[in-house]
Amino acid sequence: MCLLLGATGVGKTLLLKRLQKLCQMDAHTDLGEAPVTLPTVGTNLTDLILRKRKITVRELGGCMGPIWPKYYLDCTSVIFVVDCANIVQISSSCVQLLSVLSAEPLHSAAVLILFNKSDLPCTMSLVELKSLFRMDDIIKTAPQSITTLEISARSGQGLQDVLSWLFSNRSHDT
């Protein structure tokens, strides 16, 4: 089980829909227009199947942050999404991320931190965002293996890398 976490409005649902579509199409097909999404209230379970291998992703709504820990036990990997176009939300996302990384049940989980919405005009570069998060320090001190990627769930930029990460960090075949 992979947990998909992040604040409200960072693009988790769109990311999941785009990854699901990417799994179902051949490499030369265009993703097309981004589907309309609504904020997740509760949880969404989605199976991603690529070359007969399956990963179940549990998306938890951003508003469920206080009860995220109840879902940590059966988790082998975590994708944490940050909206890099929403500067106001950066500090709370950093606090949420540190809370996730410090949770005992997740100490052996592989972690992917996605800086989403790179297609939108941002007031800060990725280097500045990582500096604000003190990402180098987090990666050095966290018990988890951490990978960071810059993506756009809307345009599809970086989504193939997300799929590659997901399927290379599975703990067992389903």
Protein backbone atom coordinates (compact mmCIF):
# COMPACT_ATOMS: atom_id res chain seq x y z
CA MET A 1 0.00 0.00 0.00
CA CYS A 2 1.22 3.46 -0.93
CA LEU A 3 -0.21 6.49 0.86
CA LEU A 4 -0.80 9.67 -1.13
CA LEU A 5 -0.69 12.64 1.24
CA GLY A 6 -0.61 16.43 1.09
CA ALA A 7 -2.59 19.51 2.01
CA THR A 8 -5.99 20.28 0.49
CA GLY A 9 -5.79 21.46 -3.11
CA VAL A 10 -2.24 20.30 -3.92
CA GLY A 11 -3.41 18.05 -6.77
CA LYS A 12 -3.47 14.55 -5.26
CA THR A 13 -6.70 13.45 -6.96
CA LEU A 14 -5.63 14.77 -10.36
CA LEU A 15 -2.24 13.08 -9.93
CA LEU A 16 -3.90 9.75 -9.20
CA LYS A 17 -6.28 10.04 -12.18
CA ARG A 18 -3.39 10.95 -14.49
CA LEU A 19 -1.21 8.08 -13.23
CA GLN A 20 -4.12 5.67 -13.72
CA LYS A 21 -4.60 6.90 -17.31
CA LEU A 22 -0.86 6.69 -17.96
CA CYS A 23 -0.89 3.04 -16.88
CA GLN A 24 -3.70 2.25 -19.32
CA MET A 25 -2.21 3.80 -22.46
CA ASP A 26 0.79 3.20 -24.68
CA ALA A 27 3.85 5.43 -24.47
CA HIS A 28 3.02 7.52 -27.54
CA THR A 29 -0.52 8.53 -26.60
CA ASP A 30 -1.24 12.04 -25.33
CA LEU A 31 -2.77 12.35 -21.83
CA GLY A 32 -5.36 14.80 -23.17
CA GLU A 33 -7.21 17.40 -21.16
CA ALA A 34 -6.97 17.17 -17.38
CA PRO A 35 -10.20 15.81 -15.88
CA VAL A 36 -12.24 17.87 -13.44
CA THR A 37 -11.66 16.91 -9.82
CA LEU A 38 -13.28 17.72 -6.49
CA PRO A 39 -11.56 17.90 -3.10
CA THR A 40 -11.35 14.44 -1.53
CA VAL A 41 -13.41 14.08 1.59
CA GLY A 42 -12.28 10.84 3.17
CA THR A 43 -10.17 8.38 1.25
CA ASN A 44 -9.82 7.04 -2.30
CA LEU A 45 -8.37 3.61 -3.06
CA THR A 46 -6.93 3.24 -6.56
CA ASP A 47 -5.13 0.30 -8.15
CA LEU A 48 -2.41 1.18 -10.60
CA ILE A 49 -1.60 -1.72 -12.91
CA LEU A 50 1.45 -1.56 -15.14
CA ARG A 51 2.77 -4.56 -17.06
CA LYS A 52 0.70 -6.96 -14.93
CA ARG A 53 2.04 -5.50 -11.68
CA LYS A 54 -0.35 -3.81 -9.27
CA ILE A 55 0.12 -1.14 -6.63
CA THR A 56 -2.72 0.09 -4.46
CA VAL A 57 -2.59 3.80 -3.67
CA ARG A 58 -4.68 5.22 -0.83
CA GLU A 59 -5.29 8.92 -1.23
CA LEU A 60 -6.19 10.68 2.01
CA GLY A 61 -7.93 14.05 1.81
CA GLY A 62 -5.88 17.00 3.01
CA CYS A 63 -8.58 17.88 5.54
CA MET A 64 -7.99 14.45 7.14
CA GLY A 65 -4.46 15.40 8.25
CA PRO A 66 -5.19 14.85 11.96
CA ILE A 67 -6.17 11.21 11.35
CA TRP A 68 -3.54 10.31 8.72
CA PRO A 69 -1.58 8.29 11.34
CA LYS A 70 -4.41 5.74 11.53
CA TYR A 71 -3.47 4.71 7.96
CA TYR A 72 0.31 4.38 8.45
CA LEU A 73 0.47 0.77 9.62
CA ASP A 74 -0.09 -1.09 6.33
CA CYS A 75 1.96 1.36 4.29
CA THR A 76 5.25 0.57 2.49
CA SER A 77 5.64 3.85 0.61
CA VAL A 78 4.45 7.44 0.83
CA ILE A 79 3.98 10.09 -1.84
CA PHE A 80 3.77 13.55 -0.29
CA VAL A 81 2.54 16.29 -2.64
CA VAL A 82 3.38 19.99 -2.27
CA ASP A 83 1.73 22.77 -4.28
CA CYS A 84 4.73 24.82 -5.34
CA ALA A 85 2.47 27.57 -6.71
CA ASN A 86 0.80 28.19 -3.33
CA ILE A 87 3.43 30.01 -1.30
CA VAL A 88 1.01 30.59 1.60
CA GLN A 89 0.65 26.82 2.07
CA ILE A 90 4.38 25.97 2.02
CA SER A 91 5.05 26.31 5.76
CA SER A 92 2.07 24.16 6.77
CA SER A 93 3.07 21.56 4.16
CA CYS A 94 6.56 21.47 5.65
CA VAL A 95 5.12 20.88 9.14
CA GLN A 96 2.88 18.10 7.77
CA LEU A 97 5.82 16.49 6.00
CA LEU A 98 7.97 16.52 9.15
CA SER A 99 5.11 14.94 11.08
CA VAL A 100 4.77 12.18 8.46
CA LEU A 101 8.53 11.51 8.41
CA SER A 102 8.74 11.31 12.19
CA ALA A 103 5.94 8.72 12.51
CA GLU A 104 7.41 5.45 13.77
CA PRO A 105 5.34 3.14 11.47
CA LEU A 106 6.70 4.99 8.42
CA HIS A 107 10.42 4.80 9.31
CA SER A 108 11.01 2.00 6.80
CA ALA A 109 8.74 3.41 4.08
CA ALA A 110 10.16 4.83 0.86
CA VAL A 111 9.12 8.48 0.48
CA LEU A 112 8.57 10.49 -2.69
CA ILE A 113 8.09 14.24 -2.29
CA LEU A 114 6.44 15.82 -5.31
CA PHE A 115 6.61 19.54 -6.00
CA ASN A 116 3.46 19.78 -8.12
CA LYS A 117 2.06 22.52 -10.35
CA SER A 118 5.43 23.37 -11.88
CA ASP A 119 3.52 24.51 -14.98
CA LEU A 120 2.06 27.47 -13.07
CA PRO A 121 3.94 30.71 -12.52
CA CYS A 122 5.59 30.42 -9.13
CA THR A 123 7.20 33.19 -7.16
CA MET A 124 9.96 30.78 -6.07
CA SER A 125 12.19 28.37 -7.96
CA LEU A 126 12.48 24.70 -7.04
CA VAL A 127 15.89 25.43 -5.48
CA GLU A 128 14.31 28.13 -3.30
CA LEU A 129 11.41 25.85 -2.31
CA LYS A 130 13.79 23.04 -1.33
CA SER A 131 15.83 25.54 0.66
CA LEU A 132 12.71 26.77 2.46
CA PHE A 133 11.84 23.16 3.33
CA ARG A 134 15.49 22.57 4.32
CA MET A 135 15.20 19.51 2.11
CA ASP A 136 18.93 18.66 2.30
CA ASP A 137 18.71 18.49 6.11
CA ILE A 138 15.50 16.46 5.97
CA ILE A 139 17.03 13.94 3.56
CA LYS A 140 20.19 13.62 5.72
CA THR A 141 18.35 13.10 9.02
CA ALA A 142 15.16 11.23 8.11
CA PRO A 143 15.24 7.44 8.54
CA GLN A 144 13.46 6.99 5.21
CA SER A 145 14.84 6.85 1.70
CA ILE A 146 13.58 10.13 0.20
CA THR A 147 13.28 11.11 -3.46
CA THR A 148 12.09 14.50 -4.71
CA LEU A 149 10.60 15.30 -8.12
CA GLU A 150 9.18 18.40 -9.78
CA ILE A 151 5.98 17.55 -11.65
CA SER A 152 2.82 18.90 -13.21
CA ALA A 153 -0.13 16.55 -12.81
CA ARG A 154 -2.08 18.79 -15.21
CA SER A 155 0.42 18.73 -18.10
CA GLY A 156 1.84 15.29 -17.34
CA GLN A 157 5.41 16.52 -16.80
CA GLY A 158 7.32 14.08 -14.58
CA LEU A 159 4.49 11.54 -14.23
CA GLN A 160 6.45 8.76 -15.93
CA ASP A 161 9.15 9.28 -13.26
CA VAL A 162 6.49 8.96 -10.55
CA LEU A 163 5.32 5.63 -12.02
CA SER A 164 8.92 4.41 -12.26
CA TRP A 165 9.49 5.31 -8.61
CA LEU A 166 6.25 3.62 -7.52
CA PHE A 167 6.97 0.35 -9.27
CA SER A 168 10.63 0.26 -8.24
CA ASN A 169 9.75 0.81 -4.55
CA ARG A 170 7.16 -1.93 -4.19
CA SER A 171 7.90 -4.33 -1.41
CA HIS A 172 6.18 -7.33 -2.98
CA ASP A 173 4.22 -8.40 -6.06
CA THR A 174 0.46 -8.56 -6.00
